[in-house]
């Protein structure tokens, strides 16, 4: 299941070396290898989801509304 993380959750999930695991990125719907700009894209999507005042669901259907194959991380 894809989960849309907050900017704080993205930062907290980094390894001690400042990277993210393949499994973690997959949970967020980010393809491997992660494309340039993936963090900014996730943060922008999270901010857009917050505009209506409702936090995105922690688990369940893709909160971004896109299948992984169609995400634009480029």
PDB file of N, CA and C in Angstrom:
ATOM      1  N   UNK A   1       0.826  -1.173   0.000  1.00  0.00           N
ATOM      2  CA  UNK A   1       0.000   0.000   0.000  1.00  0.00           C
ATOM      3  C   UNK A   1       0.878   1.247   0.000  1.00  0.00           C
ATOM      4  N   UNK A   2       0.466   2.239  -0.721  1.00  0.00           N
ATOM      5  CA  UNK A   2       1.218   3.481  -0.807  1.00  0.00           C
ATOM      6  C   UNK A   2       0.748   4.419   0.293  1.00  0.00           C
ATOM      7  N   UNK A   3       1.678   5.097   0.917  1.00  0.00           N
ATOM      8  CA  UNK A   3       1.391   6.039   1.990  1.00  0.00           C
ATOM      9  C   UNK A   3       2.052   7.368   1.656  1.00  0.00           C
ATOM     10  N   UNK A   4       1.333   8.456   1.842  1.00  0.00           N
ATOM     11  CA  UNK A   4       1.867   9.790   1.578  1.00  0.00           C
ATOM     12  C   UNK A   4       2.413  10.369   2.888  1.00  0.00           C
ATOM     13  N   UNK A   5       3.747  10.408   3.047  1.00  0.00           N
ATOM     14  CA  UNK A   5       4.345  10.850   4.306  1.00  0.00           C
ATOM     15  C   UNK A   5       4.430  12.371   4.414  1.00  0.00           C
ATOM     16  N   UNK A   6       4.486  12.851   5.651  1.00  0.00           N
ATOM     17  CA  UNK A   6       4.714  14.271   5.899  1.00  0.00           C
ATOM     18  C   UNK A   6       6.204  14.559   5.713  1.00  0.00           C
ATOM     19  N   UNK A   7       6.580  15.827   5.576  1.00  0.00           N
ATOM     20  CA  UNK A   7       8.013  16.149   5.472  1.00  0.00           C
ATOM     21  C   UNK A   7       8.803  15.647   6.683  1.00  0.00           C
ATOM     22  N   UNK A   8       8.193  15.703   7.860  1.00  0.00           N
ATOM     23  CA  UNK A   8       8.874  15.222   9.055  1.00  0.00           C
ATOM     24  C   UNK A   8       9.086  13.713   9.012  1.00  0.00           C
ATOM     25  N   UNK A   9       8.085  12.987   8.498  1.00  0.00           N
ATOM     26  CA  UNK A   9       8.210  11.531   8.388  1.00  0.00           C
ATOM     27  C   UNK A   9       9.268  11.146   7.368  1.00  0.00           C
ATOM     28  N   UNK A  10       9.376  11.920   6.305  1.00  0.00           N
ATOM     29  CA  UNK A  10      10.410  11.655   5.300  1.00  0.00           C
ATOM     30  C   UNK A  10      11.789  11.800   5.949  1.00  0.00           C
ATOM     31  N   UNK A  11      11.990  12.896   6.669  1.00  0.00           N
ATOM     32  CA  UNK A  11      13.279  13.134   7.319  1.00  0.00           C
ATOM     33  C   UNK A  11      13.581  12.066   8.367  1.00  0.00           C
ATOM     34  N   UNK A  12      12.588  11.689   9.142  1.00  0.00           N
ATOM     35  CA  UNK A  12      12.793  10.707  10.208  1.00  0.00           C
ATOM     36  C   UNK A  12      13.102   9.312   9.674  1.00  0.00           C
ATOM     37  N   UNK A  13      12.683   9.009   8.459  1.00  0.00           N
ATOM     38  CA  UNK A  13      12.893   7.678   7.892  1.00  0.00           C
ATOM     39  C   UNK A  13      14.279   7.509   7.278  1.00  0.00           C
ATOM     40  N   UNK A  14      15.050   8.570   7.210  1.00  0.00           N
ATOM     41  CA  UNK A  14      16.393   8.469   6.630  1.00  0.00           C
ATOM     42  C   UNK A  14      17.279   7.588   7.495  1.00  0.00           C
ATOM     43  N   UNK A  15      18.157   6.856   6.845  1.00  0.00           N
ATOM     44  CA  UNK A  15      19.130   6.036   7.565  1.00  0.00           C
ATOM     45  C   UNK A  15      20.173   6.946   8.194  1.00  0.00           C
ATOM     46  N   UNK A  16      21.024   6.420   9.071  1.00  0.00           N
ATOM     47  CA  UNK A  16      22.078   7.252   9.663  1.00  0.00           C
ATOM     48  C   UNK A  16      22.994   7.904   8.614  1.00  0.00           C
ATOM     49  N   UNK A  17      23.091   7.305   7.444  1.00  0.00           N
ATOM     50  CA  UNK A  17      23.923   7.869   6.376  1.00  0.00           C
ATOM     51  C   UNK A  17      23.155   8.869   5.511  1.00  0.00           C
ATOM     52  N   UNK A  18      21.890   9.110   5.845  1.00  0.00           N
ATOM     53  CA  UNK A  18      21.123  10.111   5.121  1.00  0.00           C
ATOM     54  C   UNK A  18      20.454   9.609   3.854  1.00  0.00           C
ATOM     55  N   UNK A  19      20.234   8.325   3.760  1.00  0.00           N
ATOM     56  CA  UNK A  19      19.582   7.739   2.590  1.00  0.00           C
ATOM     57  C   UNK A  19      18.268   7.090   3.024  1.00  0.00           C
ATOM     58  N   UNK A  20      17.551   6.541   2.071  1.00  0.00           N
ATOM     59  CA  UNK A  20      16.298   5.842   2.356  1.00  0.00           C
ATOM     60  C   UNK A  20      16.372   4.458   1.749  1.00  0.00           C
ATOM     61  N   UNK A  21      15.759   3.491   2.414  1.00  0.00           N
ATOM     62  CA  UNK A  21      15.807   2.124   1.908  1.00  0.00           C
ATOM     63  C   UNK A  21      14.850   1.949   0.737  1.00  0.00           C
ATOM     64  N   UNK A  22      15.140   0.965  -0.053  1.00  0.00           N
ATOM     65  CA  UNK A  22      14.278   0.637  -1.184  1.00  0.00           C
ATOM     66  C   UNK A  22      12.864   0.303  -0.705  1.00  0.00           C
ATOM     67  N   UNK A  23      12.769  -0.440   0.396  1.00  0.00           N
ATOM     68  CA  UNK A  23      11.467  -0.820   0.944  1.00  0.00           C
ATOM     69  C   UNK A  23      10.684   0.410   1.399  1.00  0.00           C
ATOM     70  N   UNK A  24      11.358   1.359   2.047  1.00  0.00           N
ATOM     71  CA  UNK A  24      10.684   2.566   2.511  1.00  0.00           C
ATOM     72  C   UNK A  24      10.163   3.375   1.332  1.00  0.00           C
ATOM     73  N   UNK A  25      10.987   3.541   0.324  1.00  0.00           N
ATOM     74  CA  UNK A  25      10.556   4.296  -0.854  1.00  0.00           C
ATOM     75  C   UNK A  25       9.382   3.605  -1.545  1.00  0.00           C
ATOM     76  N   UNK A  26       9.401   2.285  -1.590  1.00  0.00           N
ATOM     77  CA  UNK A  26       8.299   1.541  -2.197  1.00  0.00           C
ATOM     78  C   UNK A  26       6.997   1.780  -1.438  1.00  0.00           C
ATOM     79  N   UNK A  27       7.065   1.857  -0.112  1.00  0.00           N
ATOM     80  CA  UNK A  27       5.868   2.120   0.695  1.00  0.00           C
ATOM     81  C   UNK A  27       5.264   3.476   0.333  1.00  0.00           C
ATOM     82  N   UNK A  28       6.109   4.414  -0.055  1.00  0.00           N
ATOM     83  CA  UNK A  28       5.650   5.754  -0.431  1.00  0.00           C
ATOM     84  C   UNK A  28       5.321   5.865  -1.914  1.00  0.00           C
ATOM     85  N   UNK A  29       5.551   4.793  -2.667  1.00  0.00           N
ATOM     86  CA  UNK A  29       5.247   4.802  -4.094  1.00  0.00           C
ATOM     87  C   UNK A  29       6.341   5.386  -4.963  1.00  0.00           C
ATOM     88  N   UNK A  30       7.544   5.520  -4.418  1.00  0.00           N
ATOM     89  CA  UNK A  30       8.672   6.072  -5.167  1.00  0.00           C
ATOM     90  C   UNK A  30       9.391   4.921  -5.866  1.00  0.00           C
ATOM     91  N   UNK A  31       9.588   5.018  -7.180  1.00  0.00           N
ATOM     92  CA  UNK A  31      10.260   3.930  -7.903  1.00  0.00           C
ATOM     93  C   UNK A  31      11.742   3.835  -7.528  1.00  0.00           C
ATOM     94  N   UNK A  32      12.308   2.670  -7.837  1.00  0.00           N
ATOM     95  CA  UNK A  32      13.729   2.440  -7.595  1.00  0.00           C
ATOM     96  C   UNK A  32      14.445   2.327  -8.908  1.00  0.00           C
ATOM     97  N   UNK A  33      15.575   2.962  -9.096  1.00  0.00           N
ATOM     98  CA  UNK A  33      16.193   3.905  -8.178  1.00  0.00           C
ATOM     99  C   UNK A  33      15.372   5.197  -8.096  1.00  0.00           C
ATOM    100  N   UNK A  34      15.438   5.876  -6.971  1.00  0.00           N
ATOM    101  CA  UNK A  34      14.622   7.076  -6.815  1.00  0.00           C
ATOM    102  C   UNK A  34      15.065   8.174  -7.783  1.00  0.00           C
ATOM    103  N   UNK A  35      14.128   8.757  -8.504  1.00  0.00           N
ATOM    104  CA  UNK A  35      14.484   9.806  -9.459  1.00  0.00           C
ATOM    105  C   UNK A  35      14.817  11.126  -8.758  1.00  0.00           C
ATOM    106  N   UNK A  36      15.535  11.959  -9.437  1.00  0.00           N
ATOM    107  CA  UNK A  36      15.880  13.274  -8.915  1.00  0.00           C
ATOM    108  C   UNK A  36      14.597  14.037  -8.580  1.00  0.00           C
ATOM    109  N   UNK A  37      14.565  14.647  -7.417  1.00  0.00           N
ATOM    110  CA  UNK A  37      13.422  15.454  -7.017  1.00  0.00           C
ATOM    111  C   UNK A  37      12.301  14.700  -6.327  1.00  0.00           C
ATOM    112  N   UNK A  38      12.520  13.429  -5.981  1.00  0.00           N
ATOM    113  CA  UNK A  38      11.431  12.627  -5.399  1.00  0.00           C
ATOM    114  C   UNK A  38      10.956  13.189  -4.069  1.00  0.00           C
ATOM    115  N   UNK A  39      11.874  13.704  -3.228  1.00  0.00           N
ATOM    116  CA  UNK A  39      11.447  14.242  -1.927  1.00  0.00           C
ATOM    117  C   UNK A  39      10.565  15.476  -2.106  1.00  0.00           C
ATOM    118  N   UNK A  40      10.973  16.361  -2.980  1.00  0.00           N
ATOM    119  CA  UNK A  40      10.180  17.562  -3.235  1.00  0.00           C
ATOM    120  C   UNK A  40       8.806  17.224  -3.774  1.00  0.00           C
ATOM    121  N   UNK A  41       8.728  16.231  -4.635  1.00  0.00           N
ATOM    122  CA  UNK A  41       7.452  15.792  -5.197  1.00  0.00           C
ATOM    123  C   UNK A  41       6.531  15.255  -4.100  1.00  0.00           C
ATOM    124  N   UNK A  42       7.076  14.420  -3.211  1.00  0.00           N
ATOM    125  CA  UNK A  42       6.263  13.893  -2.110  1.00  0.00           C
ATOM    126  C   UNK A  42       5.789  15.007  -1.185  1.00  0.00           C
ATOM    127  N   UNK A  43       6.662  15.952  -0.889  1.00  0.00           N
ATOM    128  CA  UNK A  43       6.295  17.051   0.000  1.00  0.00           C
ATOM    129  C   UNK A  43       5.204  17.905  -0.633  1.00  0.00           C
ATOM    130  N   UNK A  44       5.309  18.188  -1.917  1.00  0.00           N
ATOM    131  CA  UNK A  44       4.282  18.975  -2.604  1.00  0.00           C
ATOM    132  C   UNK A  44       2.940  18.253  -2.607  1.00  0.00           C
ATOM    133  N   UNK A  45       2.961  16.958  -2.820  1.00  0.00           N
ATOM    134  CA  UNK A  45       1.711  16.184  -2.791  1.00  0.00           C
ATOM    135  C   UNK A  45       1.111  16.172  -1.391  1.00  0.00           C
ATOM    136  N   UNK A  46       1.966  16.084  -0.370  1.00  0.00           N
ATOM    137  CA  UNK A  46       1.476  16.093   1.001  1.00  0.00           C
ATOM    138  C   UNK A  46       0.846  17.447   1.314  1.00  0.00           C
ATOM    139  N   UNK A  47       1.517  18.527   0.912  1.00  0.00           N
ATOM    140  CA  UNK A  47       0.972  19.867   1.145  1.00  0.00           C
ATOM    141  C   UNK A  47      -0.372  20.044   0.441  1.00  0.00           C
ATOM    142  N   UNK A  48      -0.478  19.566  -0.780  1.00  0.00           N
ATOM    143  CA  UNK A  48      -1.734  19.672  -1.524  1.00  0.00           C
ATOM    144  C   UNK A  48      -2.844  18.911  -0.811  1.00  0.00           C
ATOM    145  N   UNK A  49      -2.518  17.766  -0.229  1.00  0.00           N
ATOM    146  CA  UNK A  49      -3.521  16.972   0.482  1.00  0.00           C
ATOM    147  C   UNK A  49      -3.970  17.669   1.761  1.00  0.00           C
ATOM    148  N   UNK A  50      -3.115  18.526   2.323  1.00  0.00           N
ATOM    149  CA  UNK A  50      -3.440  19.223   3.567  1.00  0.00           C
ATOM    150  C   UNK A  50      -4.342  20.432   3.349  1.00  0.00           C
ATOM    151  N   UNK A  51      -4.456  20.913   2.127  1.00  0.00           N
ATOM    152  CA  UNK A  51      -5.208  22.132   1.860  1.00  0.00           C
ATOM    153  C   UNK A  51      -6.668  22.036   2.254  1.00  0.00           C
ATOM    154  N   UNK A  52      -7.242  20.856   2.203  1.00  0.00           N
ATOM    155  CA  UNK A  52      -8.647  20.732   2.588  1.00  0.00           C
ATOM    156  C   UNK A  52      -8.805  20.505   4.088  1.00  0.00           C
ATOM    157  N   UNK A  53      -7.687  20.477   4.827  1.00  0.00           N
ATOM    158  CA  UNK A  53      -7.745  20.331   6.276  1.00  0.00           C
ATOM    159  C   UNK A  53      -7.852  18.903   6.770  1.00  0.00           C
ATOM    160  N   UNK A  54      -7.900  17.958   5.861  1.00  0.00           N
ATOM    161  CA  UNK A  54      -8.018  16.558   6.235  1.00  0.00           C
ATOM    162  C   UNK A  54      -6.698  15.856   5.983  1.00  0.00           C
ATOM    163  N   UNK A  55      -6.095  15.255   7.013  1.00  0.00           N
ATOM    164  CA  UNK A  55      -4.843  14.547   6.770  1.00  0.00           C
ATOM    165  C   UNK A  55      -5.074  13.319   5.900  1.00  0.00           C
ATOM    166  N   UNK A  56      -4.095  12.963   5.068  1.00  0.00           N
ATOM    167  CA  UNK A  56      -4.258  11.777   4.230  1.00  0.00           C
ATOM    168  C   UNK A  56      -4.301  10.519   5.088  1.00  0.00           C
ATOM    169  N   UNK A  57      -4.944   9.459   4.617  1.00  0.00           N
ATOM    170  CA  UNK A  57      -5.000   8.229   5.397  1.00  0.00           C
ATOM    171  C   UNK A  57      -3.615   7.615   5.550  1.00  0.00           C
ATOM    172  N   UNK A  58      -3.373   7.004   6.695  1.00  0.00           N
ATOM    173  CA  UNK A  58      -2.066   6.378   6.929  1.00  0.00           C
ATOM    174  C   UNK A  58      -1.899   5.143   6.053  1.00  0.00           C
ATOM    175  N   UNK A  59      -2.952   4.375   5.880  1.00  0.00           N
ATOM    176  CA  UNK A  59      -2.888   3.186   5.039  1.00  0.00           C
ATOM    177  C   UNK A  59      -4.179   3.113   4.240  1.00  0.00           C
ATOM    178  N   UNK A  60      -4.163   2.361   3.199  1.00  0.00           N
ATOM    179  CA  UNK A  60      -5.356   2.218   2.378  1.00  0.00           C
ATOM    180  C   UNK A  60      -5.043   2.524   0.933  1.00  0.00           C
ATOM    181  N   UNK A  61      -6.040   2.945   0.181  1.00  0.00           N
ATOM    182  CA  UNK A  61      -5.801   3.248  -1.228  1.00  0.00           C
ATOM    183  C   UNK A  61      -4.767   4.353  -1.379  1.00  0.00           C
ATOM    184  N   UNK A  62      -4.134   4.386  -2.524  1.00  0.00           N
ATOM    185  CA  UNK A  62      -3.104   5.363  -2.822  1.00  0.00           C
ATOM    186  C   UNK A  62      -3.642   6.778  -2.590  1.00  0.00           C
ATOM    187  N   UNK A  63      -3.136   7.516  -1.571  1.00  0.00           N
ATOM    188  CA  UNK A  63      -3.662   8.840  -1.274  1.00  0.00           C
ATOM    189  C   UNK A  63      -3.313   9.881  -2.321  1.00  0.00           C
ATOM    190  N   UNK A  64      -2.359   9.584  -3.201  1.00  0.00           N
ATOM    191  CA  UNK A  64      -2.010  10.537  -4.242  1.00  0.00           C
ATOM    192  C   UNK A  64      -2.975  10.457  -5.405  1.00  0.00           C
ATOM    193  N   UNK A  65      -3.730   9.347  -5.485  1.00  0.00           N
ATOM    194  CA  UNK A  65      -4.681   9.186  -6.572  1.00  0.00           C
ATOM    195  C   UNK A  65      -4.066   8.660  -7.851  1.00  0.00           C
ATOM    196  N   UNK A  66      -2.812   8.243  -7.800  1.00  0.00           N
ATOM    197  CA  UNK A  66      -2.133   7.754  -8.988  1.00  0.00           C
ATOM    198  C   UNK A  66      -1.557   6.371  -8.734  1.00  0.00           C
ATOM    199  N   UNK A  67      -1.521   5.569  -9.769  1.00  0.00           N
ATOM    200  CA  UNK A  67      -0.820   4.289  -9.683  1.00  0.00           C
ATOM    201  C   UNK A  67       0.674   4.572  -9.771  1.00  0.00           C
ATOM    202  N   UNK A  68       1.491   3.708  -9.197  1.00  0.00           N
ATOM    203  CA  UNK A  68       2.943   3.957  -9.188  1.00  0.00           C
ATOM    204  C   UNK A  68       3.483   4.181 -10.591  1.00  0.00           C
ATOM    205  N   UNK A  69       2.946   3.487 -11.557  1.00  0.00           N
ATOM    206  CA  UNK A  69       3.460   3.616 -12.915  1.00  0.00           C
ATOM    207  C   UNK A  69       3.243   5.011 -13.485  1.00  0.00           C
ATOM    208  N   UNK A  70       2.305   5.771 -12.940  1.00  0.00           N
ATOM    209  CA  UNK A  70       1.996   7.070 -13.494  1.00  0.00           C
ATOM    210  C   UNK A  70       2.513   8.239 -12.649  1.00  0.00           C
ATOM    211  N   UNK A  71       3.190   7.961 -11.534  1.00  0.00           N
ATOM    212  CA  UNK A  71       3.708   9.051 -10.722  1.00  0.00           C
ATOM    213  C   UNK A  71       4.760   9.819 -11.506  1.00  0.00           C
ATOM    214  N   UNK A  72       4.751  11.122 -11.384  1.00  0.00           N
ATOM    215  CA  UNK A  72       5.686  11.954 -12.096  1.00  0.00           C
ATOM    216  C   UNK A  72       6.723  12.485 -11.119  1.00  0.00           C
ATOM    217  N   UNK A  73       7.794  11.751 -10.951  1.00  0.00           N
ATOM    218  CA  UNK A  73       8.852  12.186 -10.062  1.00  0.00           C
ATOM    219  C   UNK A  73       9.994  12.838 -10.841  1.00  0.00           C
ATOM    220  N   UNK A  74       9.765  13.160 -12.098  1.00  0.00           N
ATOM    221  CA  UNK A  74      10.843  13.670 -12.918  1.00  0.00           C
ATOM    222  C   UNK A  74      10.794  15.101 -13.149  1.00  0.00           C
TER     223      UNK A  74
END
